[in-house]
Amino acid sequence: MAAFAAAVILSTTAIFISHLSVQYKLPALVLAFWREVFVFITLAIILGFTRRKNMRVDIKDLYYLGLYGLVLALFNALWTTSVVLNGAAVSTVLVYSSAAFTALLGRWLLKESLGWIKLLAVLMSFGGCAFVAGAHDPVVWQTNLPGIVIGVTSGLAYAIYSLMGRTAANRGLNPWVTIMYTFAFAACLLLLTNLLFGGKLPGTAASPKEIFWLGDAWAGWGVLLLLAAGPTVAGFGLYNVSLGYLPSSVANLIVSTEPVFTAVIAYLLLGEQLTSTQIFGSLFILGGVALMRVFEKGLAPLVEPAGV
């Protein structure tokens, strides 16, 4: 139940982002910046009461966490932009191409084995992405090329983030403290991006004043806070609870149903609807994820703390 609850809560990430971008026209990178800020504040308060002694890290680890934060900032910027361009359901499915990228990068960077099961899963994942993104239709390449590229690239960025999560664990860093620092660094980088490239880079604030885009729209600020505290803290908290009762492979497989819940919620709340071709592609991607979860327990988990 904890794993399924985690999947449901995590699936609301794209719903919150889509609501903020449609209802408040919040620029994608401004939205990503405030999400990082609120996640950092939430975790700093929680860890300040529960793990104060673990909040200090060595200087050498700070450099690593800064690089980790850079990858997180890139991923969240791409992911948020993908939700704006593709919608909640499609963007969530596309980001799950990270499983295929993780297998390929694990082979290249970490010298992990790449057997026929992984190769089949990689082919299923990329094939499914083509159907979900509509890449088989020439018209889509003309009308939504940025959406396709950014959606798949967000999966690549998440795969890199996942691999860095594995090396962070090898350093003996507390996972929640790692999340707090990486979100802090990511927030600083996204703030600089908005201030330096505002008006030039799509999705950034056109002026420093627009960093506070929501102004006195307190309902919007409340949704931002829920986005940070809900999918990230509560979602991954429940996921960690489930690991106390289930093997990691089983917990990961259950949480991998996240795109299904996102599609259902997006249909009920946002009116989004997947076509039959996109549903077929989604099943291909989830089937590839399931193959790697069931037959390759050594593969890095798709759901790392504070992924999406």
C-alpha atoms as a PDB file:
ATOM      1  CA  MET A   1       0.000   0.000   0.000  1.00  0.00           C
ATOM      2  CA  ALA A   2       2.863   2.380   0.761  1.00  0.00           C
ATOM      3  CA  ALA A   3       4.439   1.713  -2.658  1.00  0.00           C
ATOM      4  CA  PHE A   4       1.139   2.281  -4.486  1.00  0.00           C
ATOM      5  CA  ALA A   5       0.498   5.431  -2.450  1.00  0.00           C
ATOM      6  CA  ALA A   6       3.987   6.643  -3.415  1.00  0.00           C
ATOM      7  CA  ALA A   7       3.197   5.997  -7.098  1.00  0.00           C
ATOM      8  CA  VAL A   8      -0.064   7.964  -6.865  1.00  0.00           C
ATOM      9  CA  ILE A   9       1.558  10.915  -5.074  1.00  0.00           C
ATOM     10  CA  LEU A  10       4.550  10.979  -7.435  1.00  0.00           C
ATOM     11  CA  SER A  11       2.178  10.907 -10.403  1.00  0.00           C
ATOM     12  CA  THR A  12       0.744  14.280  -9.371  1.00  0.00           C
ATOM     13  CA  THR A  13       4.041  16.068 -10.120  1.00  0.00           C
ATOM     14  CA  ALA A  14       3.196  16.748 -13.757  1.00  0.00           C
ATOM     15  CA  ILE A  15      -0.414  17.584 -12.817  1.00  0.00           C
ATOM     16  CA  PHE A  16       0.720  20.379 -10.485  1.00  0.00           C
ATOM     17  CA  ILE A  17       3.185  21.682 -13.080  1.00  0.00           C
ATOM     18  CA  SER A  18       0.567  21.636 -15.840  1.00  0.00           C
ATOM     19  CA  HIS A  19      -1.945  23.446 -13.614  1.00  0.00           C
ATOM     20  CA  LEU A  20       0.532  26.199 -12.740  1.00  0.00           C
ATOM     21  CA  SER A  21       1.615  26.692 -16.351  1.00  0.00           C
ATOM     22  CA  VAL A  22      -1.970  26.819 -17.678  1.00  0.00           C
ATOM     23  CA  GLN A  23      -3.751  28.622 -14.840  1.00  0.00           C
ATOM     24  CA  TYR A  24      -1.042  31.162 -13.974  1.00  0.00           C
ATOM     25  CA  LYS A  25       1.063  31.144 -17.182  1.00  0.00           C
ATOM     26  CA  LEU A  26       4.076  30.610 -14.917  1.00  0.00           C
ATOM     27  CA  PRO A  27       7.293  30.422 -17.033  1.00  0.00           C
ATOM     28  CA  ALA A  28       8.802  26.931 -16.921  1.00  0.00           C
ATOM     29  CA  LEU A  29      12.195  27.858 -15.450  1.00  0.00           C
ATOM     30  CA  VAL A  30      10.648  30.214 -12.900  1.00  0.00           C
ATOM     31  CA  LEU A  31       8.379  27.364 -11.816  1.00  0.00           C
ATOM     32  CA  ALA A  32      11.357  24.984 -11.620  1.00  0.00           C
ATOM     33  CA  PHE A  33      13.297  27.517  -9.499  1.00  0.00           C
ATOM     34  CA  TRP A  34      10.538  27.913  -6.913  1.00  0.00           C
ATOM     35  CA  ARG A  35       9.990  24.176  -6.747  1.00  0.00           C
ATOM     36  CA  GLU A  36      13.667  23.694  -5.842  1.00  0.00           C
ATOM     37  CA  VAL A  37      13.428  26.456  -3.227  1.00  0.00           C
ATOM     38  CA  PHE A  38      10.374  24.994  -1.510  1.00  0.00           C
ATOM     39  CA  VAL A  39      11.820  21.457  -1.531  1.00  0.00           C
ATOM     40  CA  PHE A  40      15.003  22.767   0.095  1.00  0.00           C
ATOM     41  CA  ILE A  41      13.073  24.714   2.756  1.00  0.00           C
ATOM     42  CA  THR A  42      10.803  21.751   3.515  1.00  0.00           C
ATOM     43  CA  LEU A  43      13.701  19.332   3.913  1.00  0.00           C
ATOM     44  CA  ALA A  44      15.827  21.823   5.881  1.00  0.00           C
ATOM     45  CA  ILE A  45      13.021  22.185   8.428  1.00  0.00           C
ATOM     46  CA  ILE A  46      12.392  18.430   8.686  1.00  0.00           C
ATOM     47  CA  LEU A  47      16.085  17.476   8.875  1.00  0.00           C
ATOM     48  CA  GLY A  48      16.765  20.302  11.308  1.00  0.00           C
ATOM     49  CA  PHE A  49      14.472  18.579  13.796  1.00  0.00           C
ATOM     50  CA  THR A  50      15.325  14.948  13.002  1.00  0.00           C
ATOM     51  CA  ARG A  51      18.885  14.701  11.624  1.00  0.00           C
ATOM     52  CA  ARG A  52      20.684  17.883  12.623  1.00  0.00           C
ATOM     53  CA  LYS A  53      24.000  16.080  13.157  1.00  0.00           C
ATOM     54  CA  ASN A  54      23.935  14.621   9.638  1.00  0.00           C
ATOM     55  CA  MET A  55      23.379  17.946   7.874  1.00  0.00           C
ATOM     56  CA  ARG A  56      27.071  18.827   7.735  1.00  0.00           C
ATOM     57  CA  VAL A  57      29.095  17.443   4.827  1.00  0.00           C
ATOM     58  CA  ASP A  58      32.793  17.579   3.948  1.00  0.00           C
ATOM     59  CA  ILE A  59      34.084  20.262   1.594  1.00  0.00           C
ATOM     60  CA  LYS A  60      35.060  17.623  -0.983  1.00  0.00           C
ATOM     61  CA  ASP A  61      31.493  16.356  -0.973  1.00  0.00           C
ATOM     62  CA  LEU A  62      30.148  19.892  -1.466  1.00  0.00           C
ATOM     63  CA  TYR A  63      31.872  20.087  -4.861  1.00  0.00           C
ATOM     64  CA  TYR A  64      30.270  16.802  -5.829  1.00  0.00           C
ATOM     65  CA  LEU A  65      26.855  17.941  -4.582  1.00  0.00           C
ATOM     66  CA  GLY A  66      27.260  21.141  -6.590  1.00  0.00           C
ATOM     67  CA  LEU A  67      27.725  19.087  -9.757  1.00  0.00           C
ATOM     68  CA  TYR A  68      24.786  16.905  -8.700  1.00  0.00           C
ATOM     69  CA  GLY A  69      22.702  20.064  -8.285  1.00  0.00           C
ATOM     70  CA  LEU A  70      23.671  21.188 -11.794  1.00  0.00           C
ATOM     71  CA  VAL A  71      22.351  17.921 -13.231  1.00  0.00           C
ATOM     72  CA  LEU A  72      19.173  18.232 -11.147  1.00  0.00           C
ATOM     73  CA  ALA A  73      18.630  21.813 -12.336  1.00  0.00           C
ATOM     74  CA  LEU A  74      19.036  20.709 -15.947  1.00  0.00           C
ATOM     75  CA  PHE A  75      16.655  17.803 -15.486  1.00  0.00           C
ATOM     76  CA  ASN A  76      13.949  19.817 -13.741  1.00  0.00           C
ATOM     77  CA  ALA A  77      14.211  22.605 -16.343  1.00  0.00           C
ATOM     78  CA  LEU A  78      13.794  20.073 -19.180  1.00  0.00           C
ATOM     79  CA  TRP A  79      11.081  18.141 -17.358  1.00  0.00           C
ATOM     80  CA  THR A  80       9.031  21.235 -16.536  1.00  0.00           C
ATOM     81  CA  THR A  81       9.336  22.510 -20.103  1.00  0.00           C
ATOM     82  CA  SER A  82       8.311  19.081 -21.409  1.00  0.00           C
ATOM     83  CA  VAL A  83       5.127  19.178 -19.310  1.00  0.00           C
ATOM     84  CA  VAL A  84       4.300  22.617 -20.757  1.00  0.00           C
ATOM     85  CA  LEU A  85       4.896  21.469 -24.353  1.00  0.00           C
ATOM     86  CA  ASN A  86       3.608  17.886 -24.222  1.00  0.00           C
ATOM     87  CA  GLY A  87       1.083  17.799 -21.379  1.00  0.00           C
ATOM     88  CA  ALA A  88       1.255  15.925 -18.082  1.00  0.00           C
ATOM     89  CA  ALA A  89       0.553  12.404 -19.343  1.00  0.00           C
ATOM     90  CA  VAL A  90       2.869  12.359 -22.383  1.00  0.00           C
ATOM     91  CA  SER A  91       5.760  14.081 -20.582  1.00  0.00           C
ATOM     92  CA  THR A  92       5.600  11.576 -17.706  1.00  0.00           C
ATOM     93  CA  VAL A  93       5.719   8.632 -20.088  1.00  0.00           C
ATOM     94  CA  LEU A  94       8.619  10.137 -22.054  1.00  0.00           C
ATOM     95  CA  VAL A  95      10.714  10.708 -18.937  1.00  0.00           C
ATOM     96  CA  TYR A  96      10.514   6.969 -18.270  1.00  0.00           C
ATOM     97  CA  SER A  97      12.844   6.500 -21.247  1.00  0.00           C
ATOM     98  CA  SER A  98      15.431   7.129 -18.507  1.00  0.00           C
ATOM     99  CA  ALA A  99      15.419   3.390 -17.786  1.00  0.00           C
ATOM    100  CA  ALA A 100      16.830   2.705 -21.246  1.00  0.00           C
ATOM    101  CA  PHE A 101      19.346   5.540 -20.992  1.00  0.00           C
ATOM    102  CA  THR A 102      20.415   4.299 -17.540  1.00  0.00           C
ATOM    103  CA  ALA A 103      21.150   0.839 -18.952  1.00  0.00           C
ATOM    104  CA  LEU A 104      23.221   2.268 -21.819  1.00  0.00           C
ATOM    105  CA  LEU A 105      25.090   4.788 -19.657  1.00  0.00           C
ATOM    106  CA  GLY A 106      25.663   2.146 -16.974  1.00  0.00           C
ATOM    107  CA  ARG A 107      27.358  -0.006 -19.610  1.00  0.00           C
ATOM    108  CA  TRP A 108      29.456   2.890 -20.905  1.00  0.00           C
ATOM    109  CA  LEU A 109      30.418   4.631 -17.656  1.00  0.00           C
ATOM    110  CA  LEU A 110      30.192   1.933 -14.975  1.00  0.00           C
ATOM    111  CA  LYS A 111      31.051  -1.124 -17.122  1.00  0.00           C
ATOM    112  CA  GLU A 112      27.811  -2.859 -16.163  1.00  0.00           C
ATOM    113  CA  SER A 113      26.649  -5.871 -18.134  1.00  0.00           C
ATOM    114  CA  LEU A 114      24.255  -5.300 -21.033  1.00  0.00           C
ATOM    115  CA  GLY A 115      22.584  -8.647 -21.715  1.00  0.00           C
ATOM    116  CA  TRP A 116      19.834  -9.435 -24.183  1.00  0.00           C
ATOM    117  CA  ILE A 117      17.130  -8.638 -21.601  1.00  0.00           C
ATOM    118  CA  LYS A 118      18.422  -5.099 -21.207  1.00  0.00           C
ATOM    119  CA  LEU A 119      18.864  -4.676 -24.942  1.00  0.00           C
ATOM    120  CA  LEU A 120      15.280  -5.803 -25.536  1.00  0.00           C
ATOM    121  CA  ALA A 121      14.063  -3.439 -22.820  1.00  0.00           C
ATOM    122  CA  VAL A 122      16.036  -0.553 -24.363  1.00  0.00           C
ATOM    123  CA  LEU A 123      14.506  -1.211 -27.793  1.00  0.00           C
ATOM    124  CA  MET A 124      11.014  -1.436 -26.261  1.00  0.00           C
ATOM    125  CA  SER A 125      11.528   1.814 -24.374  1.00  0.00           C
ATOM    126  CA  PHE A 126      12.766   3.826 -27.356  1.00  0.00           C
ATOM    127  CA  GLY A 127      10.155   2.287 -29.641  1.00  0.00           C
ATOM    128  CA  GLY A 128       7.444   3.191 -27.136  1.00  0.00           C
ATOM    129  CA  CYS A 129       8.779   6.758 -26.914  1.00  0.00           C
ATOM    130  CA  ALA A 130       8.461   7.084 -30.687  1.00  0.00           C
ATOM    131  CA  PHE A 131       4.771   6.130 -30.523  1.00  0.00           C
ATOM    132  CA  VAL A 132       4.013   8.280 -27.465  1.00  0.00           C
ATOM    133  CA  ALA A 133       5.701  11.356 -28.940  1.00  0.00           C
ATOM    134  CA  GLY A 134       4.091  10.735 -32.332  1.00  0.00           C
ATOM    135  CA  ALA A 135       7.515  10.514 -33.986  1.00  0.00           C
ATOM    136  CA  HIS A 136       6.057   8.123 -36.576  1.00  0.00           C
ATOM    137  CA  ASP A 137       3.923  10.972 -37.927  1.00  0.00           C
ATOM    138  CA  PRO A 138       5.840  13.504 -40.126  1.00  0.00           C
ATOM    139  CA  VAL A 139       3.325  16.219 -39.180  1.00  0.00           C
ATOM    140  CA  VAL A 140       4.367  16.010 -35.520  1.00  0.00           C
ATOM    141  CA  TRP A 141       7.997  16.731 -36.442  1.00  0.00           C
ATOM    142  CA  GLN A 142       6.812  19.961 -38.023  1.00  0.00           C
ATOM    143  CA  THR A 143       4.444  21.040 -35.234  1.00  0.00           C
ATOM    144  CA  ASN A 144       6.041  19.721 -32.019  1.00  0.00           C
ATOM    145  CA  LEU A 145       9.717  19.052 -32.691  1.00  0.00           C
ATOM    146  CA  PRO A 146      10.828  20.936 -29.531  1.00  0.00           C
ATOM    147  CA  GLY A 147       8.383  18.873 -27.456  1.00  0.00           C
ATOM    148  CA  ILE A 148       9.767  15.572 -28.766  1.00  0.00           C
ATOM    149  CA  VAL A 149      13.414  16.571 -28.291  1.00  0.00           C
ATOM    150  CA  ILE A 150      12.935  18.080 -24.826  1.00  0.00           C
ATOM    151  CA  GLY A 151      10.718  15.192 -23.650  1.00  0.00           C
ATOM    152  CA  VAL A 152      13.256  12.505 -24.574  1.00  0.00           C
ATOM    153  CA  THR A 153      16.193  14.631 -23.391  1.00  0.00           C
ATOM    154  CA  SER A 154      14.523  14.928 -19.982  1.00  0.00           C
ATOM    155  CA  GLY A 155      14.727  11.124 -19.803  1.00  0.00           C
ATOM    156  CA  LEU A 156      18.458  11.271 -20.582  1.00  0.00           C
ATOM    157  CA  ALA A 157      18.988  13.940 -17.909  1.00  0.00           C
ATOM    158  CA  TYR A 158      17.094  11.828 -15.370  1.00  0.00           C
ATOM    159  CA  ALA A 159      19.242   8.821 -16.221  1.00  0.00           C
ATOM    160  CA  ILE A 160      22.400  10.845 -15.505  1.00  0.00           C
ATOM    161  CA  TYR A 161      20.835  12.082 -12.276  1.00  0.00           C
ATOM    162  CA  SER A 162      20.029   8.489 -11.282  1.00  0.00           C
ATOM    163  CA  LEU A 163      23.593   7.325 -11.904  1.00  0.00           C
ATOM    164  CA  MET A 164      24.918  10.210  -9.805  1.00  0.00           C
ATOM    165  CA  GLY A 165      22.507   9.154  -7.063  1.00  0.00           C
ATOM    166  CA  ARG A 166      24.177   5.776  -7.033  1.00  0.00           C
ATOM    167  CA  THR A 167      27.644   7.289  -6.652  1.00  0.00           C
ATOM    168  CA  ALA A 168      26.336   9.565  -3.880  1.00  0.00           C
ATOM    169  CA  ALA A 169      25.236   6.467  -1.964  1.00  0.00           C
ATOM    170  CA  ASN A 170      28.698   4.976  -2.479  1.00  0.00           C
ATOM    171  CA  ARG A 171      30.170   8.065  -0.806  1.00  0.00           C
ATOM    172  CA  GLY A 172      28.171   7.258   2.320  1.00  0.00           C
ATOM    173  CA  LEU A 173      26.038  10.400   2.104  1.00  0.00           C
ATOM    174  CA  ASN A 174      22.638  10.394   3.777  1.00  0.00           C
ATOM    175  CA  PRO A 175      20.073  10.318   0.913  1.00  0.00           C
ATOM    176  CA  TRP A 176      17.802  13.000   2.400  1.00  0.00           C
ATOM    177  CA  VAL A 177      20.723  15.298   3.207  1.00  0.00           C
ATOM    178  CA  THR A 178      21.927  14.748  -0.363  1.00  0.00           C
ATOM    179  CA  ILE A 179      18.517  15.780  -1.684  1.00  0.00           C
ATOM    180  CA  MET A 180      18.512  18.924   0.459  1.00  0.00           C
ATOM    181  CA  TYR A 181      21.912  20.083  -0.779  1.00  0.00           C
ATOM    182  CA  THR A 182      21.306  19.197  -4.428  1.00  0.00           C
ATOM    183  CA  PHE A 183      18.020  21.114  -4.441  1.00  0.00           C
ATOM    184  CA  ALA A 184      19.748  24.080  -2.794  1.00  0.00           C
ATOM    185  CA  PHE A 185      22.447  24.144  -5.478  1.00  0.00           C
ATOM    186  CA  ALA A 186      19.844  23.588  -8.213  1.00  0.00           C
ATOM    187  CA  ALA A 187      17.789  26.536  -6.918  1.00  0.00           C
ATOM    188  CA  CYS A 188      20.853  28.818  -7.036  1.00  0.00           C
ATOM    189  CA  LEU A 189      21.684  27.720 -10.589  1.00  0.00           C
ATOM    190  CA  LEU A 190      18.124  28.212 -11.819  1.00  0.00           C
ATOM    191  CA  LEU A 191      17.981  31.637 -10.180  1.00  0.00           C
ATOM    192  CA  LEU A 192      21.184  32.632 -11.997  1.00  0.00           C
ATOM    193  CA  THR A 193      19.785  31.262 -15.245  1.00  0.00           C
ATOM    194  CA  ASN A 194      16.644  33.372 -14.878  1.00  0.00           C
ATOM    195  CA  LEU A 195      18.614  36.510 -13.994  1.00  0.00           C
ATOM    196  CA  LEU A 196      21.314  36.150 -16.648  1.00  0.00           C
ATOM    197  CA  PHE A 197      19.272  34.801 -19.567  1.00  0.00           C
ATOM    198  CA  GLY A 198      15.882  36.331 -18.803  1.00  0.00           C
ATOM    199  CA  GLY A 199      14.054  37.200 -22.006  1.00  0.00           C
ATOM    200  CA  LYS A 200      16.636  35.371 -24.128  1.00  0.00           C
ATOM    201  CA  LEU A 201      16.089  31.769 -23.029  1.00  0.00           C
ATOM    202  CA  PRO A 202      12.532  30.413 -23.393  1.00  0.00           C
ATOM    203  CA  GLY A 203      10.827  29.784 -20.060  1.00  0.00           C
ATOM    204  CA  THR A 204      12.900  32.274 -18.052  1.00  0.00           C
ATOM    205  CA  ALA A 205      11.748  35.447 -16.319  1.00  0.00           C
ATOM    206  CA  ALA A 206      11.948  38.424 -18.680  1.00  0.00           C
ATOM    207  CA  SER A 207      13.067  40.645 -15.777  1.00  0.00           C
ATOM    208  CA  PRO A 208      14.151  40.125 -12.138  1.00  0.00           C
ATOM    209  CA  LYS A 209      10.707  41.294 -11.032  1.00  0.00           C
ATOM    210  CA  GLU A 210       9.112  38.358 -12.849  1.00  0.00           C
ATOM    211  CA  ILE A 211      10.876  35.921 -10.520  1.00  0.00           C
ATOM    212  CA  PHE A 212       7.923  36.727  -8.251  1.00  0.00           C
ATOM    213  CA  TRP A 213       5.510  36.054 -11.104  1.00  0.00           C
ATOM    214  CA  LEU A 214       2.690  34.848  -8.843  1.00  0.00           C
ATOM    215  CA  GLY A 215       2.664  38.073  -6.823  1.00  0.00           C
ATOM    216  CA  ASP A 216      -0.262  37.946  -4.402  1.00  0.00           C
ATOM    217  CA  ALA A 217      -1.822  34.869  -6.032  1.00  0.00           C
ATOM    218  CA  TRP A 218      -1.665  32.935  -2.758  1.00  0.00           C
ATOM    219  CA  ALA A 219      -3.483  29.937  -4.210  1.00  0.00           C
ATOM    220  CA  GLY A 220      -0.682  29.599  -6.769  1.00  0.00           C
ATOM    221  CA  TRP A 221       1.977  29.777  -4.067  1.00  0.00           C
ATOM    222  CA  GLY A 222       0.038  27.094  -2.187  1.00  0.00           C
ATOM    223  CA  VAL A 223       0.100  24.806  -5.235  1.00  0.00           C
ATOM    224  CA  LEU A 224       3.863  25.372  -5.542  1.00  0.00           C
ATOM    225  CA  LEU A 225       4.312  24.417  -1.897  1.00  0.00           C
ATOM    226  CA  LEU A 226       2.190  21.287  -2.401  1.00  0.00           C
ATOM    227  CA  LEU A 227       4.268  20.411  -5.468  1.00  0.00           C
ATOM    228  CA  ALA A 228       7.408  20.502  -3.343  1.00  0.00           C
ATOM    229  CA  ALA A 229       6.136  18.897  -0.149  1.00  0.00           C
ATOM    230  CA  GLY A 230       3.825  16.352  -1.797  1.00  0.00           C
ATOM    231  CA  PRO A 231       5.484  14.509  -4.714  1.00  0.00           C
ATOM    232  CA  THR A 232       9.030  14.976  -3.430  1.00  0.00           C
ATOM    233  CA  VAL A 233       8.920  14.629   0.349  1.00  0.00           C
ATOM    234  CA  ALA A 234       5.732  12.594   0.888  1.00  0.00           C
ATOM    235  CA  GLY A 235       6.096  10.549  -2.317  1.00  0.00           C
ATOM    236  CA  PHE A 236       9.669   9.478  -1.740  1.00  0.00           C
ATOM    237  CA  GLY A 237       9.083   9.153   1.992  1.00  0.00           C
ATOM    238  CA  LEU A 238       6.395   6.536   1.356  1.00  0.00           C
ATOM    239  CA  TYR A 239       8.616   4.878  -1.227  1.00  0.00           C
ATOM    240  CA  ASN A 240      11.356   4.532   1.396  1.00  0.00           C
ATOM    241  CA  VAL A 241       8.789   3.132   3.850  1.00  0.00           C
ATOM    242  CA  SER A 242       7.776   0.491   1.282  1.00  0.00           C
ATOM    243  CA  LEU A 243      11.413  -0.613   1.004  1.00  0.00           C
ATOM    244  CA  GLY A 244      11.186  -1.708   4.646  1.00  0.00           C
ATOM    245  CA  TYR A 245       8.545  -4.278   3.697  1.00  0.00           C
ATOM    246  CA  LEU A 246       9.277  -5.179   0.068  1.00  0.00           C
ATOM    247  CA  PRO A 247      12.333  -6.162  -1.994  1.00  0.00           C
ATOM    248  CA  SER A 248      13.615  -3.110  -3.901  1.00  0.00           C
ATOM    249  CA  SER A 249      12.826  -4.755  -7.259  1.00  0.00           C
ATOM    250  CA  VAL A 250       9.158  -5.197  -6.264  1.00  0.00           C
ATOM    251  CA  ALA A 251       8.864  -1.687  -4.828  1.00  0.00           C
ATOM    252  CA  ASN A 252      10.429  -0.191  -7.957  1.00  0.00           C
ATOM    253  CA  LEU A 253       8.072  -2.142 -10.189  1.00  0.00           C
ATOM    254  CA  ILE A 254       5.027  -0.889  -8.277  1.00  0.00           C
ATOM    255  CA  VAL A 255       6.229   2.729  -8.345  1.00  0.00           C
ATOM    256  CA  SER A 256       6.829   2.374 -12.084  1.00  0.00           C
ATOM    257  CA  THR A 257       3.043   2.472 -12.504  1.00  0.00           C
ATOM    258  CA  GLU A 258       3.341   6.252 -11.987  1.00  0.00           C
ATOM    259  CA  PRO A 259       2.631   7.111 -15.684  1.00  0.00           C
ATOM    260  CA  VAL A 260      -0.629   5.170 -15.508  1.00  0.00           C
ATOM    261  CA  PHE A 261      -1.856   7.210 -12.553  1.00  0.00           C
ATOM    262  CA  THR A 262      -0.668  10.434 -14.203  1.00  0.00           C
ATOM    263  CA  ALA A 263      -2.629   9.602 -17.359  1.00  0.00           C
ATOM    264  CA  VAL A 264      -5.800   8.880 -15.359  1.00  0.00           C
ATOM    265  CA  ILE A 265      -5.529  12.026 -13.206  1.00  0.00           C
ATOM    266  CA  ALA A 266      -4.659  14.177 -16.237  1.00  0.00           C
ATOM    267  CA  TYR A 267      -7.758  12.870 -18.008  1.00  0.00           C
ATOM    268  CA  LEU A 268     -10.038  13.506 -15.017  1.00  0.00           C
ATOM    269  CA  LEU A 269      -8.681  16.927 -14.008  1.00  0.00           C
ATOM    270  CA  LEU A 270      -7.097  18.411 -17.131  1.00  0.00           C
ATOM    271  CA  GLY A 271      -9.077  16.756 -19.902  1.00  0.00           C
ATOM    272  CA  GLU A 272      -5.935  15.233 -21.428  1.00  0.00           C
ATOM    273  CA  GLN A 273      -6.450  12.007 -23.335  1.00  0.00           C
ATOM    274  CA  LEU A 274      -3.918   9.596 -24.785  1.00  0.00           C
ATOM    275  CA  THR A 275      -4.593   8.273 -28.259  1.00  0.00           C
ATOM    276  CA  SER A 276      -4.635   4.527 -28.905  1.00  0.00           C
ATOM    277  CA  THR A 277      -1.152   4.820 -30.436  1.00  0.00           C
ATOM    278  CA  GLN A 278       0.161   6.630 -27.353  1.00  0.00           C
ATOM    279  CA  ILE A 279      -1.382   4.004 -25.069  1.00  0.00           C
ATOM    280  CA  PHE A 280       0.334   1.300 -27.136  1.00  0.00           C
ATOM    281  CA  GLY A 281       3.648   3.153 -26.823  1.00  0.00           C
ATOM    282  CA  SER A 282       3.135   3.619 -23.074  1.00  0.00           C
ATOM    283  CA  LEU A 283       2.648  -0.126 -22.640  1.00  0.00           C
ATOM    284  CA  PHE A 284       5.868  -0.715 -24.565  1.00  0.00           C
ATOM    285  CA  ILE A 285       7.820   1.618 -22.275  1.00  0.00           C
ATOM    286  CA  LEU A 286       6.331   0.172 -19.082  1.00  0.00           C
ATOM    287  CA  GLY A 287       6.947  -3.332 -20.421  1.00  0.00           C
ATOM    288  CA  GLY A 288      10.610  -2.471 -20.948  1.00  0.00           C
ATOM    289  CA  VAL A 289      10.856  -1.052 -17.423  1.00  0.00           C
ATOM    290  CA  ALA A 290       9.217  -4.195 -16.035  1.00  0.00           C
ATOM    291  CA  LEU A 291      11.721  -6.423 -17.881  1.00  0.00           C
ATOM    292  CA  MET A 292      14.663  -4.617 -16.358  1.00  0.00           C
ATOM    293  CA  ARG A 293      13.080  -4.608 -12.913  1.00  0.00           C
ATOM    294  CA  VAL A 294      12.226  -8.317 -12.865  1.00  0.00           C
ATOM    295  CA  PHE A 295      15.224  -9.812 -14.663  1.00  0.00           C
ATOM    296  CA  GLU A 296      18.006  -7.340 -13.856  1.00  0.00           C
ATOM    297  CA  LYS A 297      17.959  -6.619 -10.126  1.00  0.00           C
ATOM    298  CA  GLY A 298      21.407  -5.078 -10.370  1.00  0.00           C
ATOM    299  CA  LEU A 299      20.120  -2.180 -12.473  1.00  0.00           C
ATOM    300  CA  ALA A 300      20.040   1.177 -10.711  1.00  0.00           C
ATOM    301  CA  PRO A 301      16.538   2.055  -9.496  1.00  0.00           C
ATOM    302  CA  LEU A 302      14.506   4.201 -11.818  1.00  0.00           C
ATOM    303  CA  VAL A 303      13.073   6.115  -8.890  1.00  0.00           C
ATOM    304  CA  GLU A 304      15.862   7.928  -7.109  1.00  0.00           C
ATOM    305  CA  PRO A 305      15.110  10.349  -4.275  1.00  0.00           C
ATOM    306  CA  ALA A 306      13.865  13.681  -5.651  1.00  0.00           C
ATOM    307  CA  GLY A 307      13.805  12.645  -9.242  1.00  0.00           C
ATOM    308  CA  VAL A 308      10.771  14.302 -10.760  1.00  0.00           C
END
